[in-house]
Amino acid sequence: MSSEKDNLAGDVVNHMMQHDLFSQWLGIEVLEVKEGYSKIKMTVRPEMINGFGIVHGGIAFSLADSAFAFACNNRNVLSVALDTSINFLKPVHVDDVLTAEATELHNGKSTGLYHISIINQKDHEVAVFKGLCYRTDKKLV
């Protein structure tokens, strides 16, 4: 049974996705949203390959960044990235299905800290992302 907070979280993420053309271009599908949490997935396409024949690191980063944004904004408090970092653990290939899961580590008045794990369809962790957000005094919806 979902709570009012989780319903708000879903409404906020739906609103964000409607206006987020980049996440739409990535082909992101929202799997689950709860207050301070999101889980999304996408399938890697050929135009996402770099000059080495593997997926450009910006693709995994962007997927994690979207999961981060959905998790840190879903209380309907406009939050923006203050600091992010990523560690690439394994290469990503065309047709891989990547899932990013964002978990809140800290929810403060002015900042929030999130851990995002990216796994492929073989359940191998391919990257780990950490994001620190700044909370504004604005609402999203």
Protein backbone atom coordinates (compact mmCIF):
# COMPACT_ATOMS: atom_id res chain seq x y z
CA MET A 1 0.00 0.00 0.00
CA SER A 2 1.56 3.28 -1.04
CA SER A 3 1.64 6.33 1.18
CA GLU A 4 0.72 9.91 0.33
CA LYS A 5 4.44 10.75 0.35
CA ASP A 6 5.14 8.02 -2.22
CA ASN A 7 2.20 9.19 -4.34
CA LEU A 8 3.64 12.72 -4.32
CA ALA A 9 7.05 11.30 -5.23
CA GLY A 10 5.53 9.52 -8.23
CA ASP A 11 3.66 12.64 -9.35
CA VAL A 12 6.83 14.74 -9.15
CA VAL A 13 8.88 12.22 -11.15
CA ASN A 14 6.13 11.91 -13.77
CA HIS A 15 6.18 15.70 -14.12
CA MET A 16 9.98 15.70 -14.40
CA MET A 17 9.96 12.97 -17.07
CA GLN A 18 7.38 14.83 -19.17
CA HIS A 19 9.76 17.80 -19.37
CA ASP A 20 13.11 15.96 -19.40
CA LEU A 21 13.89 15.54 -23.10
CA PHE A 22 17.36 14.14 -22.40
CA SER A 23 16.07 11.33 -20.17
CA GLN A 24 13.46 10.64 -22.85
CA TRP A 25 16.22 10.48 -25.50
CA LEU A 26 18.14 8.02 -23.32
CA GLY A 27 15.04 5.81 -23.32
CA ILE A 28 14.70 5.81 -19.55
CA GLU A 29 11.83 3.88 -18.01
CA VAL A 30 10.89 4.65 -14.42
CA LEU A 31 10.54 1.38 -12.50
CA GLU A 32 9.94 2.54 -8.93
CA VAL A 33 9.77 5.77 -6.98
CA LYS A 34 9.47 6.29 -3.24
CA GLU A 35 10.33 9.28 -1.12
CA GLY A 36 14.10 9.79 -1.48
CA TYR A 37 14.46 6.76 -3.79
CA SER A 38 14.25 5.93 -7.48
CA LYS A 39 14.92 2.96 -9.73
CA ILE A 40 15.12 3.41 -13.51
CA LYS A 41 16.37 1.46 -16.52
CA MET A 42 17.40 1.92 -20.13
CA THR A 43 18.74 -0.12 -23.06
CA VAL A 44 22.04 0.92 -24.63
CA ARG A 45 21.83 1.84 -28.34
CA PRO A 46 24.56 1.84 -31.05
CA GLU A 47 24.82 5.65 -31.16
CA MET A 48 26.01 5.58 -27.53
CA ILE A 49 29.34 3.93 -28.44
CA ASN A 50 32.66 5.78 -28.08
CA GLY A 51 35.78 5.47 -30.23
CA PHE A 52 36.93 2.38 -28.33
CA GLY A 53 33.82 0.36 -29.25
CA ILE A 54 32.33 0.46 -25.76
CA VAL A 55 29.61 2.69 -24.38
CA HIS A 56 30.62 6.28 -23.70
CA GLY A 57 31.02 6.89 -19.96
CA GLY A 58 28.64 9.82 -20.22
CA ILE A 59 25.78 7.40 -20.83
CA ALA A 60 26.21 5.58 -17.51
CA PHE A 61 26.82 8.93 -15.82
CA SER A 62 23.65 10.40 -17.36
CA LEU A 63 21.53 7.41 -16.32
CA ALA A 64 22.82 7.71 -12.75
CA ASP A 65 22.33 11.48 -12.83
CA SER A 66 18.68 11.03 -13.82
CA ALA A 67 18.14 8.51 -11.01
CA PHE A 68 19.82 10.99 -8.64
CA ALA A 69 17.56 13.82 -9.84
CA PHE A 70 14.40 11.73 -9.47
CA ALA A 71 15.36 10.64 -5.94
CA CYS A 72 16.46 14.03 -4.61
CA ASN A 73 13.58 16.03 -6.10
CA ASN A 74 10.66 13.74 -5.40
CA ARG A 75 9.64 15.46 -2.17
CA ASN A 76 8.62 18.36 -4.43
CA VAL A 77 11.56 20.51 -3.31
CA LEU A 78 13.60 21.71 -6.30
CA SER A 79 17.10 20.33 -5.76
CA VAL A 80 20.13 20.71 -8.02
CA ALA A 81 23.42 18.84 -8.22
CA LEU A 82 26.16 20.38 -6.10
CA ASP A 83 28.79 17.66 -6.49
CA THR A 84 28.82 14.30 -8.28
CA SER A 85 31.32 11.54 -8.92
CA ILE A 86 31.29 8.20 -10.65
CA ASN A 87 33.46 5.09 -10.63
CA PHE A 88 33.32 2.89 -13.73
CA LEU A 89 33.74 -0.75 -12.73
CA LYS A 90 33.04 -2.72 -15.93
CA PRO A 91 32.58 -1.81 -19.61
CA VAL A 92 29.07 -1.35 -20.99
CA HIS A 93 28.09 -2.63 -24.45
CA VAL A 94 25.36 -2.11 -27.05
CA ASP A 95 22.11 -3.87 -26.06
CA ASP A 96 23.04 -3.94 -22.37
CA VAL A 97 20.07 -3.13 -20.16
CA LEU A 98 21.21 -0.85 -17.36
CA THR A 99 19.32 -0.30 -14.13
CA ALA A 100 20.16 2.59 -11.81
CA GLU A 101 18.99 2.53 -8.21
CA ALA A 102 19.28 5.74 -6.19
CA THR A 103 19.25 5.49 -2.41
CA GLU A 104 19.20 8.42 -0.05
CA LEU A 105 22.03 8.48 2.50
CA HIS A 106 21.23 11.91 4.02
CA ASN A 107 18.23 14.24 3.76
CA GLY A 108 19.15 17.61 5.19
CA LYS A 109 17.44 20.99 5.10
CA SER A 110 19.81 22.37 2.46
CA THR A 111 21.60 19.28 1.10
CA GLY A 112 20.99 15.63 0.34
CA LEU A 113 23.46 12.81 -0.30
CA TYR A 114 22.66 9.87 -2.61
CA HIS A 115 24.29 6.61 -3.66
CA ILE A 116 23.42 5.30 -7.12
CA SER A 117 24.34 1.79 -8.21
CA ILE A 118 24.20 0.84 -11.89
CA ILE A 119 23.85 -2.83 -12.80
CA ASN A 120 23.52 -4.57 -16.15
CA GLN A 121 21.16 -7.35 -17.21
CA LYS A 122 23.64 -9.95 -15.86
CA ASP A 123 23.34 -8.35 -12.40
CA HIS A 124 26.94 -7.07 -12.63
CA GLU A 125 27.59 -3.69 -11.06
CA VAL A 126 29.10 -1.57 -13.85
CA ALA A 127 29.32 1.81 -12.09
CA VAL A 128 28.82 3.54 -8.75
CA PHE A 129 27.75 7.19 -8.56
CA LYS A 130 27.60 9.54 -5.59
CA GLY A 131 25.59 12.76 -5.72
CA LEU A 132 25.28 15.70 -3.36
CA CYS A 133 22.34 18.01 -4.03
CA TYR A 134 21.46 21.50 -2.89
CA ARG A 135 17.86 22.07 -1.83
CA THR A 136 16.21 25.31 -2.95
CA ASP A 137 13.05 26.84 -1.52
CA LYS A 138 11.08 26.21 -4.73
CA LYS A 139 8.46 23.56 -5.53
CA LEU A 140 8.51 21.50 -8.73
CA VAL A 141 4.76 20.95 -9.12
